[in-house]
Amino acid sequence: MRRRSMGELVVVAGATGYVGRHVVAELDARGFSVRALVRSRERAEKQGAFGAPALAGHVTDWRVVDFTKPQTIVDVCEGADRVVSALGVTRQKASPWNIDFLGNLAVLADAERHSLASFAYVNVLHSDAGTSLTMRSKFAFSQALSRSRVVPQIVNPSGYFSDVTDFLCMAQRGVGFTLGDGSAKVNPIHGADLASFIVDRVAGPAGTWDVGGPDTFTYRELEELAFRVAGRKPHLLKLGESVGHGIEWLADRGSPRLGNLTRFFLESLALDAVGAPTGDHHLEPYLRSVA
């Protein structure tokens, strides 16, 4: 199912992130016009991290915005047909509440004001169960979107290939860890495969989809794969639940940002996050390409 467009204009929020860059490239390849909302056009036109594509040549209309300043979002949806938002804080210093929730809410308000047909949002699997500010912000926006008069399309990926590079970095330093026995499962997805999944549905009806890549791993298997790619002998530490809580306690006292990132990461390790298998990119070749 690879729908081509009828020349519709799609607003892409979070266009310079790992997923957003792949979404822009996929929309362009399918014949959509793209209005990219970016903080820096110069940075957007260069290649992104983790092999994500440069946006030069893929964008019809550039809008420079600051998602913490709602006045810069006014009329970004004027004349457009649809929105795809991959907007969210990862390693930036901004608050997830200000970006993942309030930033997306400002774009949604503008989409409603201009009567756009649909709003596709890249959420995360199990956002309803997380206690980190990132998860709570994403869940809050997904709930607001689900009640919108704009057709809501909520995509819940299990995790990204780019996330797994953290395991590779630890393995390259000679150490890794699991929570408990590392038996929780995940099937991370490549950005290009996720973009294809989203664009297949962008002109369709409302829906919510849990999605992942073609291969499912336990977190212990992910760690072992990372050590194999790094060419290092596996040295894994098993952290009990009480140790995990202690790490969260210390991180919370370091800074709100550190506490949020730590809680988000540790909670991810404790939950099965397996979406419908999608795509044909496999994790091991990807890790070897970035090692």
C-alpha atoms as a PDB file:
ATOM      1  CA  MET A   1       0.000   0.000   0.000  1.00  0.00           C
ATOM      2  CA  ARG A   2       1.962   3.008  -1.273  1.00  0.00           C
ATOM      3  CA  ARG A   3      -0.484   5.848  -1.895  1.00  0.00           C
ATOM      4  CA  ARG A   4       0.607   8.699  -4.131  1.00  0.00           C
ATOM      5  CA  SER A   5      -0.738  12.173  -3.541  1.00  0.00           C
ATOM      6  CA  MET A   6      -2.865  14.431  -5.703  1.00  0.00           C
ATOM      7  CA  GLY A   7      -0.496  17.352  -5.117  1.00  0.00           C
ATOM      8  CA  GLU A   8      -1.612  18.037  -1.558  1.00  0.00           C
ATOM      9  CA  LEU A   9       0.423  20.327   0.701  1.00  0.00           C
ATOM     10  CA  VAL A  10       1.484  18.705   3.974  1.00  0.00           C
ATOM     11  CA  VAL A  11       2.838  20.668   6.937  1.00  0.00           C
ATOM     12  CA  VAL A  12       5.602  18.745   8.726  1.00  0.00           C
ATOM     13  CA  ALA A  13       6.396  19.710  12.312  1.00  0.00           C
ATOM     14  CA  GLY A  14       9.617  18.326  13.742  1.00  0.00           C
ATOM     15  CA  ALA A  15      10.976  18.177  10.199  1.00  0.00           C
ATOM     16  CA  THR A  16      14.649  18.210  11.245  1.00  0.00           C
ATOM     17  CA  GLY A  17      14.470  15.260  13.658  1.00  0.00           C
ATOM     18  CA  TYR A  18      15.394  11.671  12.824  1.00  0.00           C
ATOM     19  CA  VAL A  19      11.846  10.638  11.892  1.00  0.00           C
ATOM     20  CA  GLY A  20      10.783  14.031  10.527  1.00  0.00           C
ATOM     21  CA  ARG A  21      13.557  14.071   7.932  1.00  0.00           C
ATOM     22  CA  HIS A  22      12.530  10.650   6.652  1.00  0.00           C
ATOM     23  CA  VAL A  23       8.876  11.755   6.561  1.00  0.00           C
ATOM     24  CA  VAL A  24       9.716  14.830   4.466  1.00  0.00           C
ATOM     25  CA  ALA A  25      11.740  12.748   1.990  1.00  0.00           C
ATOM     26  CA  GLU A  26       8.974  10.131   1.720  1.00  0.00           C
ATOM     27  CA  LEU A  27       6.231  12.725   1.205  1.00  0.00           C
ATOM     28  CA  ASP A  28       8.274  14.366  -1.549  1.00  0.00           C
ATOM     29  CA  ALA A  29       8.904  10.999  -3.201  1.00  0.00           C
ATOM     30  CA  ARG A  30       5.137  10.318  -3.247  1.00  0.00           C
ATOM     31  CA  GLY A  31       4.332  13.621  -4.952  1.00  0.00           C
ATOM     32  CA  PHE A  32       3.171  15.652  -1.960  1.00  0.00           C
ATOM     33  CA  SER A  33       4.305  19.233  -1.495  1.00  0.00           C
ATOM     34  CA  VAL A  34       5.955  19.831   1.886  1.00  0.00           C
ATOM     35  CA  ARG A  35       5.915  22.865   4.167  1.00  0.00           C
ATOM     36  CA  ALA A  36       8.666  22.239   6.723  1.00  0.00           C
ATOM     37  CA  LEU A  37       8.510  23.919  10.127  1.00  0.00           C
ATOM     38  CA  VAL A  38      12.116  24.338  11.277  1.00  0.00           C
ATOM     39  CA  ARG A  39      14.217  26.347  13.693  1.00  0.00           C
ATOM     40  CA  SER A  40      17.070  26.624  11.178  1.00  0.00           C
ATOM     41  CA  ARG A  41      16.775  26.170   7.431  1.00  0.00           C
ATOM     42  CA  GLU A  42      20.550  26.029   7.125  1.00  0.00           C
ATOM     43  CA  ARG A  43      20.775  23.073   9.515  1.00  0.00           C
ATOM     44  CA  ALA A  44      17.756  21.391   7.936  1.00  0.00           C
ATOM     45  CA  GLU A  45      19.331  21.419   4.480  1.00  0.00           C
ATOM     46  CA  LYS A  46      22.326  19.447   5.782  1.00  0.00           C
ATOM     47  CA  GLN A  47      22.289  15.708   6.510  1.00  0.00           C
ATOM     48  CA  GLY A  48      20.817  14.776   9.868  1.00  0.00           C
ATOM     49  CA  ALA A  49      22.115  12.526  12.599  1.00  0.00           C
ATOM     50  CA  PHE A  50      22.017   8.717  12.329  1.00  0.00           C
ATOM     51  CA  GLY A  51      21.962   8.827   8.530  1.00  0.00           C
ATOM     52  CA  ALA A  52      18.714  10.815   8.256  1.00  0.00           C
ATOM     53  CA  PRO A  53      18.481  12.658   4.929  1.00  0.00           C
ATOM     54  CA  ALA A  54      19.223  16.309   4.226  1.00  0.00           C
ATOM     55  CA  LEU A  55      16.055  18.258   3.396  1.00  0.00           C
ATOM     56  CA  ALA A  56      17.571  20.287   0.561  1.00  0.00           C
ATOM     57  CA  GLY A  57      15.482  19.704  -2.562  1.00  0.00           C
ATOM     58  CA  HIS A  58      12.599  18.024  -0.681  1.00  0.00           C
ATOM     59  CA  VAL A  59      10.790  21.094   0.679  1.00  0.00           C
ATOM     60  CA  THR A  60       8.386  23.361  -1.198  1.00  0.00           C
ATOM     61  CA  ASP A  61       7.904  25.964   1.540  1.00  0.00           C
ATOM     62  CA  TRP A  62      10.093  26.727   4.560  1.00  0.00           C
ATOM     63  CA  ARG A  63       8.732  28.263   7.769  1.00  0.00           C
ATOM     64  CA  VAL A  64      11.178  29.200  10.524  1.00  0.00           C
ATOM     65  CA  VAL A  65       9.417  28.823  13.874  1.00  0.00           C
ATOM     66  CA  ASP A  66      10.068  28.577  17.596  1.00  0.00           C
ATOM     67  CA  PHE A  67       7.686  26.084  19.160  1.00  0.00           C
ATOM     68  CA  THR A  68       8.028  27.768  22.552  1.00  0.00           C
ATOM     69  CA  LYS A  69       6.620  30.981  21.025  1.00  0.00           C
ATOM     70  CA  PRO A  70       3.029  30.397  19.841  1.00  0.00           C
ATOM     71  CA  GLN A  71       3.007  33.628  17.832  1.00  0.00           C
ATOM     72  CA  THR A  72       5.501  32.039  15.398  1.00  0.00           C
ATOM     73  CA  ILE A  73       3.037  29.183  14.752  1.00  0.00           C
ATOM     74  CA  VAL A  74       0.152  31.390  13.620  1.00  0.00           C
ATOM     75  CA  ASP A  75      -0.969  30.550  10.057  1.00  0.00           C
ATOM     76  CA  VAL A  76       1.638  27.824   9.458  1.00  0.00           C
ATOM     77  CA  CYS A  77      -1.280  25.699   8.229  1.00  0.00           C
ATOM     78  CA  GLU A  78      -2.829  28.344   5.972  1.00  0.00           C
ATOM     79  CA  GLY A  79      -3.438  26.900   2.493  1.00  0.00           C
ATOM     80  CA  ALA A  80      -2.279  23.410   3.507  1.00  0.00           C
ATOM     81  CA  ASP A  81      -4.216  20.140   3.434  1.00  0.00           C
ATOM     82  CA  ARG A  82      -2.729  17.988   6.202  1.00  0.00           C
ATOM     83  CA  VAL A  83      -0.213  17.897   9.058  1.00  0.00           C
ATOM     84  CA  VAL A  84       2.330  15.284  10.035  1.00  0.00           C
ATOM     85  CA  SER A  85       4.028  15.969  13.369  1.00  0.00           C
ATOM     86  CA  ALA A  86       7.158  14.188  14.529  1.00  0.00           C
ATOM     87  CA  LEU A  87       7.784  17.072  16.924  1.00  0.00           C
ATOM     88  CA  GLY A  88       9.273  16.130  20.274  1.00  0.00           C
ATOM     89  CA  VAL A  89      12.203  16.644  22.587  1.00  0.00           C
ATOM     90  CA  THR A  90      14.929  14.019  22.534  1.00  0.00           C
ATOM     91  CA  ARG A  91      18.333  15.241  23.663  1.00  0.00           C
ATOM     92  CA  GLN A  92      17.558  18.969  23.466  1.00  0.00           C
ATOM     93  CA  LYS A  93      17.457  21.102  26.593  1.00  0.00           C
ATOM     94  CA  ALA A  94      13.850  22.253  26.107  1.00  0.00           C
ATOM     95  CA  SER A  95      11.053  20.963  28.328  1.00  0.00           C
ATOM     96  CA  PRO A  96       8.995  18.123  26.804  1.00  0.00           C
ATOM     97  CA  TRP A  97       5.848  19.782  28.156  1.00  0.00           C
ATOM     98  CA  ASN A  98       6.633  22.944  26.189  1.00  0.00           C
ATOM     99  CA  ILE A  99       7.442  21.086  22.960  1.00  0.00           C
ATOM    100  CA  ASP A 100       5.735  17.679  22.900  1.00  0.00           C
ATOM    101  CA  PHE A 101       2.510  19.014  24.384  1.00  0.00           C
ATOM    102  CA  LEU A 102       2.225  22.785  24.043  1.00  0.00           C
ATOM    103  CA  GLY A 103       4.169  23.031  20.766  1.00  0.00           C
ATOM    104  CA  ASN A 104       2.066  20.350  19.106  1.00  0.00           C
ATOM    105  CA  LEU A 105      -1.082  21.859  20.611  1.00  0.00           C
ATOM    106  CA  ALA A 106      -0.281  25.203  18.943  1.00  0.00           C
ATOM    107  CA  VAL A 107       0.101  23.481  15.558  1.00  0.00           C
ATOM    108  CA  LEU A 108      -3.160  21.574  16.107  1.00  0.00           C
ATOM    109  CA  ALA A 109      -4.997  24.794  16.978  1.00  0.00           C
ATOM    110  CA  ASP A 110      -3.785  26.350  13.728  1.00  0.00           C
ATOM    111  CA  ALA A 111      -4.763  23.215  11.780  1.00  0.00           C
ATOM    112  CA  GLU A 112      -8.271  23.421  13.249  1.00  0.00           C
ATOM    113  CA  ARG A 113      -8.508  27.141  12.492  1.00  0.00           C
ATOM    114  CA  HIS A 114      -7.660  26.494   8.851  1.00  0.00           C
ATOM    115  CA  SER A 115      -9.874  23.364   8.625  1.00  0.00           C
ATOM    116  CA  LEU A 116      -7.159  20.927   7.581  1.00  0.00           C
ATOM    117  CA  ALA A 117      -8.228  17.398   6.707  1.00  0.00           C
ATOM    118  CA  SER A 118      -6.001  15.365   9.030  1.00  0.00           C
ATOM    119  CA  PHE A 119      -3.248  15.472  11.639  1.00  0.00           C
ATOM    120  CA  ALA A 120      -0.863  12.509  11.897  1.00  0.00           C
ATOM    121  CA  TYR A 121       1.136  12.399  15.122  1.00  0.00           C
ATOM    122  CA  VAL A 122       4.204  10.301  15.902  1.00  0.00           C
ATOM    123  CA  ASN A 123       3.609   9.327  19.523  1.00  0.00           C
ATOM    124  CA  VAL A 124       5.365   6.434  21.311  1.00  0.00           C
ATOM    125  CA  LEU A 125       4.149   2.995  22.376  1.00  0.00           C
ATOM    126  CA  HIS A 126       2.885   2.900  25.987  1.00  0.00           C
ATOM    127  CA  SER A 127       2.895   6.673  26.436  1.00  0.00           C
ATOM    128  CA  ASP A 128      -0.158   6.132  28.654  1.00  0.00           C
ATOM    129  CA  ALA A 129       1.908   4.086  31.132  1.00  0.00           C
ATOM    130  CA  GLY A 130       5.014   6.269  31.473  1.00  0.00           C
ATOM    131  CA  THR A 131       5.783   8.563  34.401  1.00  0.00           C
ATOM    132  CA  SER A 132       8.558  10.579  32.725  1.00  0.00           C
ATOM    133  CA  LEU A 133       7.655  14.087  31.595  1.00  0.00           C
ATOM    134  CA  THR A 134       8.344  13.006  28.012  1.00  0.00           C
ATOM    135  CA  MET A 135       5.771  10.198  28.170  1.00  0.00           C
ATOM    136  CA  ARG A 136       3.196  12.286  30.038  1.00  0.00           C
ATOM    137  CA  SER A 137       3.568  15.136  27.525  1.00  0.00           C
ATOM    138  CA  LYS A 138       3.165  12.836  24.535  1.00  0.00           C
ATOM    139  CA  PHE A 139       0.156  11.120  26.061  1.00  0.00           C
ATOM    140  CA  ALA A 140      -1.480  14.442  26.911  1.00  0.00           C
ATOM    141  CA  PHE A 141      -1.180  15.628  23.324  1.00  0.00           C
ATOM    142  CA  SER A 142      -2.414  12.313  21.891  1.00  0.00           C
ATOM    143  CA  GLN A 143      -5.533  12.701  24.046  1.00  0.00           C
ATOM    144  CA  ALA A 144      -6.095  16.272  22.840  1.00  0.00           C
ATOM    145  CA  LEU A 145      -5.629  15.180  19.229  1.00  0.00           C
ATOM    146  CA  SER A 146      -8.041  12.262  19.596  1.00  0.00           C
ATOM    147  CA  ARG A 147     -10.792  14.755  20.492  1.00  0.00           C
ATOM    148  CA  SER A 148     -10.013  17.160  17.645  1.00  0.00           C
ATOM    149  CA  ARG A 149     -12.358  17.882  14.748  1.00  0.00           C
ATOM    150  CA  VAL A 150      -9.325  17.393  12.480  1.00  0.00           C
ATOM    151  CA  VAL A 151      -9.066  13.700  11.580  1.00  0.00           C
ATOM    152  CA  PRO A 152      -6.611  12.251  14.157  1.00  0.00           C
ATOM    153  CA  GLN A 153      -4.003   9.684  13.098  1.00  0.00           C
ATOM    154  CA  ILE A 154      -1.800   8.494  15.974  1.00  0.00           C
ATOM    155  CA  VAL A 155       1.221   6.316  15.236  1.00  0.00           C
ATOM    156  CA  ASN A 156       2.909   4.620  18.193  1.00  0.00           C
ATOM    157  CA  PRO A 157       6.396   3.330  17.291  1.00  0.00           C
ATOM    158  CA  SER A 158       8.080   0.859  19.616  1.00  0.00           C
ATOM    159  CA  GLY A 159      11.458   2.597  19.370  1.00  0.00           C
ATOM    160  CA  TYR A 160      13.892   3.787  16.707  1.00  0.00           C
ATOM    161  CA  PHE A 161      17.078   2.347  15.274  1.00  0.00           C
ATOM    162  CA  SER A 162      18.721   5.610  16.321  1.00  0.00           C
ATOM    163  CA  ASP A 163      17.833   4.878  19.972  1.00  0.00           C
ATOM    164  CA  VAL A 164      19.759   1.606  19.873  1.00  0.00           C
ATOM    165  CA  THR A 165      22.991   3.443  19.102  1.00  0.00           C
ATOM    166  CA  ASP A 166      23.069   4.222  22.853  1.00  0.00           C
ATOM    167  CA  PHE A 167      23.553   0.499  23.509  1.00  0.00           C
ATOM    168  CA  LEU A 168      26.304   0.412  20.890  1.00  0.00           C
ATOM    169  CA  CYS A 169      28.094   3.352  22.511  1.00  0.00           C
ATOM    170  CA  MET A 170      28.025   1.588  25.883  1.00  0.00           C
ATOM    171  CA  ALA A 171      29.283  -1.651  24.343  1.00  0.00           C
ATOM    172  CA  GLN A 172      32.147   0.208  22.678  1.00  0.00           C
ATOM    173  CA  ARG A 173      33.152   1.378  26.165  1.00  0.00           C
ATOM    174  CA  GLY A 174      33.066  -2.227  27.352  1.00  0.00           C
ATOM    175  CA  VAL A 175      29.999  -2.313  29.583  1.00  0.00           C
ATOM    176  CA  GLY A 176      26.240  -2.586  29.324  1.00  0.00           C
ATOM    177  CA  PHE A 177      23.301  -3.253  31.641  1.00  0.00           C
ATOM    178  CA  THR A 178      19.805  -4.665  31.786  1.00  0.00           C
ATOM    179  CA  LEU A 179      16.955  -4.223  34.216  1.00  0.00           C
ATOM    180  CA  GLY A 180      16.452  -7.601  35.818  1.00  0.00           C
ATOM    181  CA  ASP A 181      17.083 -10.403  33.350  1.00  0.00           C
ATOM    182  CA  GLY A 182      16.543  -8.148  30.331  1.00  0.00           C
ATOM    183  CA  SER A 183      13.585 -10.179  29.101  1.00  0.00           C
ATOM    184  CA  ALA A 184      11.369  -7.227  28.070  1.00  0.00           C
ATOM    185  CA  LYS A 185      10.970  -7.151  24.292  1.00  0.00           C
ATOM    186  CA  VAL A 186      11.156  -4.438  21.648  1.00  0.00           C
ATOM    187  CA  ASN A 187      11.173  -4.280  17.841  1.00  0.00           C
ATOM    188  CA  PRO A 188      12.770  -0.927  16.928  1.00  0.00           C
ATOM    189  CA  ILE A 189      12.045   0.525  13.504  1.00  0.00           C
ATOM    190  CA  HIS A 190      14.183   2.374  10.955  1.00  0.00           C
ATOM    191  CA  GLY A 191      13.140   5.971  10.267  1.00  0.00           C
ATOM    192  CA  ALA A 192      12.570   5.292   6.559  1.00  0.00           C
ATOM    193  CA  ASP A 193      10.258   2.344   7.294  1.00  0.00           C
ATOM    194  CA  LEU A 194       8.300   4.381   9.834  1.00  0.00           C
ATOM    195  CA  ALA A 195       7.991   7.263   7.355  1.00  0.00           C
ATOM    196  CA  SER A 196       6.634   4.910   4.709  1.00  0.00           C
ATOM    197  CA  PHE A 197       4.094   3.537   7.210  1.00  0.00           C
ATOM    198  CA  ILE A 198       2.941   7.058   8.099  1.00  0.00           C
ATOM    199  CA  VAL A 199       2.681   8.324   4.528  1.00  0.00           C
ATOM    200  CA  ASP A 200       0.731   5.205   3.518  1.00  0.00           C
ATOM    201  CA  ARG A 201      -1.972   6.361   5.949  1.00  0.00           C
ATOM    202  CA  VAL A 202      -1.757  10.138   5.811  1.00  0.00           C
ATOM    203  CA  ALA A 203      -4.599  10.535   3.296  1.00  0.00           C
ATOM    204  CA  GLY A 204      -6.724   7.854   4.958  1.00  0.00           C
ATOM    205  CA  PRO A 205      -9.164   7.714   7.863  1.00  0.00           C
ATOM    206  CA  ALA A 206      -8.651   8.280  11.566  1.00  0.00           C
ATOM    207  CA  GLY A 207      -6.832   5.565  13.461  1.00  0.00           C
ATOM    208  CA  THR A 208      -4.262   4.525  16.021  1.00  0.00           C
ATOM    209  CA  TRP A 209      -1.453   2.139  15.096  1.00  0.00           C
ATOM    210  CA  ASP A 210       1.276   0.411  17.113  1.00  0.00           C
ATOM    211  CA  VAL A 211       4.228  -0.236  14.819  1.00  0.00           C
ATOM    212  CA  GLY A 212       7.757  -1.612  14.985  1.00  0.00           C
ATOM    213  CA  GLY A 213      10.468  -3.064  12.800  1.00  0.00           C
ATOM    214  CA  PRO A 214      10.717  -6.593  11.342  1.00  0.00           C
ATOM    215  CA  ASP A 215      12.912  -8.044  14.128  1.00  0.00           C
ATOM    216  CA  THR A 216      12.002  -8.450  17.802  1.00  0.00           C
ATOM    217  CA  PHE A 217      14.672  -8.602  20.510  1.00  0.00           C
ATOM    218  CA  THR A 218      14.800  -8.893  24.262  1.00  0.00           C
ATOM    219  CA  TYR A 219      16.867  -6.095  25.766  1.00  0.00           C
ATOM    220  CA  ARG A 220      19.485  -8.670  26.706  1.00  0.00           C
ATOM    221  CA  GLU A 221      19.668  -9.728  23.052  1.00  0.00           C
ATOM    222  CA  LEU A 222      20.017  -6.064  22.052  1.00  0.00           C
ATOM    223  CA  GLU A 223      22.949  -5.667  24.430  1.00  0.00           C
ATOM    224  CA  GLU A 224      24.580  -8.829  23.105  1.00  0.00           C
ATOM    225  CA  LEU A 225      24.109  -7.607  19.520  1.00  0.00           C
ATOM    226  CA  ALA A 226      25.701  -4.283  20.424  1.00  0.00           C
ATOM    227  CA  PHE A 227      28.759  -6.026  21.897  1.00  0.00           C
ATOM    228  CA  ARG A 228      29.020  -8.259  18.828  1.00  0.00           C
ATOM    229  CA  VAL A 229      28.977  -5.262  16.490  1.00  0.00           C
ATOM    230  CA  ALA A 230      31.473  -3.433  18.712  1.00  0.00           C
ATOM    231  CA  GLY A 231      33.782  -6.465  18.680  1.00  0.00           C
ATOM    232  CA  ARG A 232      33.893  -6.551  22.476  1.00  0.00           C
ATOM    233  CA  LYS A 233      33.330  -9.371  24.942  1.00  0.00           C
ATOM    234  CA  PRO A 234      29.926  -8.877  26.599  1.00  0.00           C
ATOM    235  CA  HIS A 235      30.080  -7.470  30.113  1.00  0.00           C
ATOM    236  CA  LEU A 236      26.532  -6.955  31.337  1.00  0.00           C
ATOM    237  CA  LEU A 237      25.377  -5.653  34.686  1.00  0.00           C
ATOM    238  CA  LYS A 238      21.957  -6.728  35.949  1.00  0.00           C
ATOM    239  CA  LEU A 239      20.220  -3.927  37.790  1.00  0.00           C
ATOM    240  CA  GLY A 240      17.431  -4.786  40.190  1.00  0.00           C
ATOM    241  CA  GLU A 241      14.290  -2.699  40.530  1.00  0.00           C
ATOM    242  CA  SER A 242      15.559  -1.012  43.688  1.00  0.00           C
ATOM    243  CA  VAL A 243      18.795   0.009  41.963  1.00  0.00           C
ATOM    244  CA  GLY A 244      16.781   1.473  39.086  1.00  0.00           C
ATOM    245  CA  HIS A 245      14.725   3.538  41.534  1.00  0.00           C
ATOM    246  CA  GLY A 246      17.940   4.700  43.191  1.00  0.00           C
ATOM    247  CA  ILE A 247      19.352   5.862  39.853  1.00  0.00           C
ATOM    248  CA  GLU A 248      16.134   7.761  39.150  1.00  0.00           C
ATOM    249  CA  TRP A 249      16.305   9.388  42.598  1.00  0.00           C
ATOM    250  CA  LEU A 250      19.861  10.574  41.999  1.00  0.00           C
ATOM    251  CA  ALA A 251      19.078  11.795  38.475  1.00  0.00           C
ATOM    252  CA  ASP A 252      16.044  13.752  39.703  1.00  0.00           C
ATOM    253  CA  ARG A 253      18.342  15.637  42.050  1.00  0.00           C
ATOM    254  CA  GLY A 254      20.851  16.351  39.324  1.00  0.00           C
ATOM    255  CA  SER A 255      18.437  18.317  37.111  1.00  0.00           C
ATOM    256  CA  PRO A 256      14.870  18.003  35.806  1.00  0.00           C
ATOM    257  CA  ARG A 257      16.234  17.237  32.332  1.00  0.00           C
ATOM    258  CA  LEU A 258      18.534  14.470  33.568  1.00  0.00           C
ATOM    259  CA  GLY A 259      15.777  13.028  35.724  1.00  0.00           C
ATOM    260  CA  ASN A 260      13.362  12.938  32.812  1.00  0.00           C
ATOM    261  CA  LEU A 261      15.821  11.295  30.420  1.00  0.00           C
ATOM    262  CA  THR A 262      16.835   8.707  33.016  1.00  0.00           C
ATOM    263  CA  ARG A 263      13.239   7.849  33.917  1.00  0.00           C
ATOM    264  CA  PHE A 264      12.256   7.628  30.240  1.00  0.00           C
ATOM    265  CA  PHE A 265      15.176   5.302  29.465  1.00  0.00           C
ATOM    266  CA  LEU A 266      14.772   3.019  32.483  1.00  0.00           C
ATOM    267  CA  GLU A 267      11.009   2.712  32.086  1.00  0.00           C
ATOM    268  CA  SER A 268      11.527   1.744  28.453  1.00  0.00           C
ATOM    269  CA  LEU A 269      13.771  -1.139  29.529  1.00  0.00           C
ATOM    270  CA  ALA A 270      11.068  -2.558  31.792  1.00  0.00           C
ATOM    271  CA  LEU A 271       8.178  -2.780  29.309  1.00  0.00           C
ATOM    272  CA  ASP A 272       7.457  -4.972  26.316  1.00  0.00           C
ATOM    273  CA  ALA A 273       7.154  -2.565  23.377  1.00  0.00           C
ATOM    274  CA  VAL A 274       6.349  -4.618  20.294  1.00  0.00           C
ATOM    275  CA  GLY A 275       4.361  -3.070  17.454  1.00  0.00           C
ATOM    276  CA  ALA A 276       3.127  -4.598  14.212  1.00  0.00           C
ATOM    277  CA  PRO A 277       6.265  -5.710  12.279  1.00  0.00           C
ATOM    278  CA  THR A 278       6.866  -3.293   9.417  1.00  0.00           C
ATOM    279  CA  GLY A 279       9.567  -2.554   6.854  1.00  0.00           C
ATOM    280  CA  ASP A 280      12.630  -4.309   5.502  1.00  0.00           C
ATOM    281  CA  HIS A 281      15.492  -2.554   7.309  1.00  0.00           C
ATOM    282  CA  HIS A 282      17.248  -4.849   9.789  1.00  0.00           C
ATOM    283  CA  LEU A 283      19.007  -3.632  12.904  1.00  0.00           C
ATOM    284  CA  GLU A 284      22.377  -5.370  12.735  1.00  0.00           C
ATOM    285  CA  PRO A 285      23.396  -3.963   9.305  1.00  0.00           C
ATOM    286  CA  TYR A 286      22.325  -0.525  10.491  1.00  0.00           C
ATOM    287  CA  LEU A 287      24.447  -0.734  13.650  1.00  0.00           C
ATOM    288  CA  ARG A 288      27.448  -1.909  11.632  1.00  0.00           C
ATOM    289  CA  SER A 289      26.983   1.076   9.313  1.00  0.00           C
ATOM    290  CA  VAL A 290      27.242   3.537  12.209  1.00  0.00           C
ATOM    291  CA  ALA A 291      29.788   1.681  14.378  1.00  0.00           C
END
